[in-house]
């Protein structure tokens, strides 16, 4: 499976298993195993560059087991073939996203006007709350 010009993942690294799906399909859904689970061992894959592997482990951490296996489930469609294609597309999108390094954050400071407005709002809220209090007796 071609991800980019430099990243190619061998089909033997992808493991598919089929389970029964819930959802549309009527009585057919109770007999056919159309839902697909795609498994890919991110931690052991020789196809991924180290930087992409680390970003993928971070970005998809909720879908990765402790052993470093990425699991993608697809059960939207009513056939195994379509669900398999859907799982492959999601997998490719995840890896493609991990190939892009994150943008560097630029430090910014609030403008003078923003600081002034914030302080004015604080004064206004303070005055409003002061007016809610009963008058003090001297």
C-alpha atoms as a PDB file:
ATOM      1  CA  UNK A   1       0.000   0.000   0.000  1.00  0.00           C
ATOM      2  CA  UNK A   2       1.534   3.265  -1.119  1.00  0.00           C
ATOM      3  CA  UNK A   3       1.222   6.051   1.454  1.00  0.00           C
ATOM      4  CA  UNK A   4       3.671   8.603   0.037  1.00  0.00           C
ATOM      5  CA  UNK A   5       6.515   8.467  -2.472  1.00  0.00           C
ATOM      6  CA  UNK A   6       8.853   7.324   0.316  1.00  0.00           C
ATOM      7  CA  UNK A   7       6.537   5.245   2.519  1.00  0.00           C
ATOM      8  CA  UNK A   8       5.206   1.937   1.273  1.00  0.00           C
ATOM      9  CA  UNK A   9       3.550  -0.558   3.618  1.00  0.00           C
ATOM     10  CA  UNK A  10       3.591  -4.205   2.640  1.00  0.00           C
ATOM     11  CA  UNK A  11       0.186  -5.935   2.562  1.00  0.00           C
ATOM     12  CA  UNK A  12       1.545  -8.708   4.794  1.00  0.00           C
ATOM     13  CA  UNK A  13       1.833  -6.175   7.651  1.00  0.00           C
ATOM     14  CA  UNK A  14      -1.929  -5.555   7.580  1.00  0.00           C
ATOM     15  CA  UNK A  15      -4.047  -8.135   9.349  1.00  0.00           C
ATOM     16  CA  UNK A  16      -7.794  -8.253   8.741  1.00  0.00           C
ATOM     17  CA  UNK A  17     -10.360 -10.033  10.868  1.00  0.00           C
ATOM     18  CA  UNK A  18     -14.111 -10.097  10.381  1.00  0.00           C
ATOM     19  CA  UNK A  19     -16.754  -9.964  13.073  1.00  0.00           C
ATOM     20  CA  UNK A  20     -20.498  -9.576  13.145  1.00  0.00           C
ATOM     21  CA  UNK A  21     -21.629  -5.994  12.802  1.00  0.00           C
ATOM     22  CA  UNK A  22     -24.579  -4.189  14.281  1.00  0.00           C
ATOM     23  CA  UNK A  23     -26.631  -1.772  12.245  1.00  0.00           C
ATOM     24  CA  UNK A  24     -28.420  -2.051   8.896  1.00  0.00           C
ATOM     25  CA  UNK A  25     -28.829  -5.381   7.175  1.00  0.00           C
ATOM     26  CA  UNK A  26     -31.971  -6.955   8.630  1.00  0.00           C
ATOM     27  CA  UNK A  27     -31.752 -10.685   9.233  1.00  0.00           C
ATOM     28  CA  UNK A  28     -28.596 -10.822   7.132  1.00  0.00           C
ATOM     29  CA  UNK A  29     -26.670  -8.931   9.837  1.00  0.00           C
ATOM     30  CA  UNK A  30     -27.158 -11.827  12.274  1.00  0.00           C
ATOM     31  CA  UNK A  31     -25.523 -14.366   9.972  1.00  0.00           C
ATOM     32  CA  UNK A  32     -22.762 -12.515   8.110  1.00  0.00           C
ATOM     33  CA  UNK A  33     -19.501 -11.255   9.574  1.00  0.00           C
ATOM     34  CA  UNK A  34     -19.219  -7.993   7.662  1.00  0.00           C
ATOM     35  CA  UNK A  35     -17.478  -5.716  10.176  1.00  0.00           C
ATOM     36  CA  UNK A  36     -13.726  -5.425   9.628  1.00  0.00           C
ATOM     37  CA  UNK A  37     -10.933  -5.026  12.154  1.00  0.00           C
ATOM     38  CA  UNK A  38      -7.660  -3.910  10.607  1.00  0.00           C
ATOM     39  CA  UNK A  39      -4.600  -4.516  12.771  1.00  0.00           C
ATOM     40  CA  UNK A  40      -1.195  -2.983  12.115  1.00  0.00           C
ATOM     41  CA  UNK A  41       1.808  -3.338  14.399  1.00  0.00           C
ATOM     42  CA  UNK A  42       3.123   0.229  14.548  1.00  0.00           C
ATOM     43  CA  UNK A  43       5.871  -0.570  17.048  1.00  0.00           C
ATOM     44  CA  UNK A  44       7.412  -3.420  15.011  1.00  0.00           C
ATOM     45  CA  UNK A  45       6.803  -2.208  11.448  1.00  0.00           C
ATOM     46  CA  UNK A  46       9.974  -1.884   9.355  1.00  0.00           C
ATOM     47  CA  UNK A  47       8.093   0.238   6.785  1.00  0.00           C
ATOM     48  CA  UNK A  48       7.685   3.340   8.943  1.00  0.00           C
ATOM     49  CA  UNK A  49      10.408   5.922   9.501  1.00  0.00           C
ATOM     50  CA  UNK A  50      11.031   6.548  13.210  1.00  0.00           C
ATOM     51  CA  UNK A  51       9.612  10.107  13.178  1.00  0.00           C
ATOM     52  CA  UNK A  52       6.377   8.936  11.539  1.00  0.00           C
ATOM     53  CA  UNK A  53       6.141   6.009  13.980  1.00  0.00           C
ATOM     54  CA  UNK A  54       6.417   8.334  16.993  1.00  0.00           C
ATOM     55  CA  UNK A  55       3.822  10.787  15.634  1.00  0.00           C
ATOM     56  CA  UNK A  56       1.447   7.935  14.794  1.00  0.00           C
ATOM     57  CA  UNK A  57       1.814   6.492  18.294  1.00  0.00           C
ATOM     58  CA  UNK A  58       0.959   9.927  19.745  1.00  0.00           C
ATOM     59  CA  UNK A  59      -1.876  10.867  17.395  1.00  0.00           C
ATOM     60  CA  UNK A  60      -3.690   7.532  17.424  1.00  0.00           C
ATOM     61  CA  UNK A  61      -2.951   6.612  21.041  1.00  0.00           C
ATOM     62  CA  UNK A  62      -6.601   5.781  21.808  1.00  0.00           C
ATOM     63  CA  UNK A  63      -6.629   3.179  18.994  1.00  0.00           C
ATOM     64  CA  UNK A  64      -3.289   1.585  19.853  1.00  0.00           C
ATOM     65  CA  UNK A  65      -2.887  -1.302  22.272  1.00  0.00           C
ATOM     66  CA  UNK A  66      -0.096  -1.539  24.844  1.00  0.00           C
ATOM     67  CA  UNK A  67       1.785  -3.817  22.442  1.00  0.00           C
ATOM     68  CA  UNK A  68       1.832  -1.038  19.822  1.00  0.00           C
ATOM     69  CA  UNK A  69      -0.843  -2.536  17.557  1.00  0.00           C
ATOM     70  CA  UNK A  70      -3.134  -0.068  15.798  1.00  0.00           C
ATOM     71  CA  UNK A  71      -6.745  -1.283  15.496  1.00  0.00           C
ATOM     72  CA  UNK A  72      -9.174   0.269  13.035  1.00  0.00           C
ATOM     73  CA  UNK A  73     -12.756  -0.961  12.956  1.00  0.00           C
ATOM     74  CA  UNK A  74     -15.100  -0.419  10.018  1.00  0.00           C
ATOM     75  CA  UNK A  75     -18.720  -1.547  10.069  1.00  0.00           C
ATOM     76  CA  UNK A  76     -20.582   1.211   8.218  1.00  0.00           C
ATOM     77  CA  UNK A  77     -21.185  -0.773   5.031  1.00  0.00           C
ATOM     78  CA  UNK A  78     -23.147  -3.988   4.508  1.00  0.00           C
ATOM     79  CA  UNK A  79     -20.382  -5.946   2.791  1.00  0.00           C
ATOM     80  CA  UNK A  80     -16.958  -7.164   3.876  1.00  0.00           C
ATOM     81  CA  UNK A  81     -15.384  -5.779   0.724  1.00  0.00           C
ATOM     82  CA  UNK A  82     -16.630  -2.236   1.291  1.00  0.00           C
ATOM     83  CA  UNK A  83     -15.761  -2.292   4.986  1.00  0.00           C
ATOM     84  CA  UNK A  84     -12.269  -3.544   4.164  1.00  0.00           C
ATOM     85  CA  UNK A  85     -11.832  -0.696   1.687  1.00  0.00           C
ATOM     86  CA  UNK A  86     -13.120   1.784   4.298  1.00  0.00           C
ATOM     87  CA  UNK A  87     -10.658   0.470   6.904  1.00  0.00           C
ATOM     88  CA  UNK A  88      -7.762   0.756   4.435  1.00  0.00           C
ATOM     89  CA  UNK A  89      -8.715   4.341   3.588  1.00  0.00           C
ATOM     90  CA  UNK A  90      -8.882   5.308   7.270  1.00  0.00           C
ATOM     91  CA  UNK A  91      -5.526   3.637   7.906  1.00  0.00           C
ATOM     92  CA  UNK A  92      -3.908   5.438   4.986  1.00  0.00           C
ATOM     93  CA  UNK A  93      -5.348   8.780   6.170  1.00  0.00           C
ATOM     94  CA  UNK A  94      -3.967   8.197   9.696  1.00  0.00           C
ATOM     95  CA  UNK A  95      -0.477   7.365   8.469  1.00  0.00           C
ATOM     96  CA  UNK A  96      -0.552  10.261   5.987  1.00  0.00           C
ATOM     97  CA  UNK A  97      -1.487  12.624   8.801  1.00  0.00           C
ATOM     98  CA  UNK A  98       1.435  11.309  10.855  1.00  0.00           C
ATOM     99  CA  UNK A  99       3.858  12.041   8.009  1.00  0.00           C
ATOM    100  CA  UNK A 100       3.270  15.774   8.360  1.00  0.00           C
ATOM    101  CA  UNK A 101       5.310  17.316  11.173  1.00  0.00           C
ATOM    102  CA  UNK A 102       3.288  19.527  13.536  1.00  0.00           C
ATOM    103  CA  UNK A 103       3.443  23.269  13.021  1.00  0.00           C
ATOM    104  CA  UNK A 104       5.711  25.126  15.405  1.00  0.00           C
ATOM    105  CA  UNK A 105       3.838  27.289  17.876  1.00  0.00           C
ATOM    106  CA  UNK A 106       4.632  30.967  17.762  1.00  0.00           C
ATOM    107  CA  UNK A 107       4.581  32.804  21.051  1.00  0.00           C
ATOM    108  CA  UNK A 108       2.096  35.657  21.008  1.00  0.00           C
ATOM    109  CA  UNK A 109       1.216  38.378  23.472  1.00  0.00           C
ATOM    110  CA  UNK A 110      -2.165  39.985  24.006  1.00  0.00           C
ATOM    111  CA  UNK A 111      -2.432  43.412  22.383  1.00  0.00           C
ATOM    112  CA  UNK A 112      -2.589  46.567  24.478  1.00  0.00           C
ATOM    113  CA  UNK A 113      -6.270  46.987  23.553  1.00  0.00           C
ATOM    114  CA  UNK A 114      -7.067  43.410  24.597  1.00  0.00           C
ATOM    115  CA  UNK A 115      -5.385  43.950  27.981  1.00  0.00           C
ATOM    116  CA  UNK A 116      -7.291  47.236  28.447  1.00  0.00           C
ATOM    117  CA  UNK A 117     -10.644  45.604  27.567  1.00  0.00           C
ATOM    118  CA  UNK A 118      -9.965  42.706  29.943  1.00  0.00           C
ATOM    119  CA  UNK A 119      -9.239  45.069  32.832  1.00  0.00           C
ATOM    120  CA  UNK A 120     -12.303  47.197  32.021  1.00  0.00           C
ATOM    121  CA  UNK A 121     -14.489  44.092  32.036  1.00  0.00           C
ATOM    122  CA  UNK A 122     -13.012  43.054  35.379  1.00  0.00           C
ATOM    123  CA  UNK A 123     -13.780  46.498  36.841  1.00  0.00           C
ATOM    124  CA  UNK A 124     -17.302  46.389  35.432  1.00  0.00           C
ATOM    125  CA  UNK A 125     -17.977  42.919  36.906  1.00  0.00           C
ATOM    126  CA  UNK A 126     -16.532  44.026  40.240  1.00  0.00           C
ATOM    127  CA  UNK A 127     -18.820  47.094  40.325  1.00  0.00           C
ATOM    128  CA  UNK A 128     -21.838  44.950  39.406  1.00  0.00           C
ATOM    129  CA  UNK A 129     -21.119  42.535  42.240  1.00  0.00           C
ATOM    130  CA  UNK A 130     -20.508  45.388  44.688  1.00  0.00           C
ATOM    131  CA  UNK A 131     -23.964  46.765  43.866  1.00  0.00           C
ATOM    132  CA  UNK A 132     -25.552  43.421  44.775  1.00  0.00           C
ATOM    133  CA  UNK A 133     -24.218  43.642  48.330  1.00  0.00           C
ATOM    134  CA  UNK A 134     -26.282  45.303  51.024  1.00  0.00           C
ATOM    135  CA  UNK A 135     -25.039  48.790  52.001  1.00  0.00           C
ATOM    136  CA  UNK A 136     -22.509  48.888  54.841  1.00  0.00           C
ATOM    137  CA  UNK A 137     -23.455  50.566  58.104  1.00  0.00           C
ATOM    138  CA  UNK A 138     -20.894  52.945  59.593  1.00  0.00           C
END
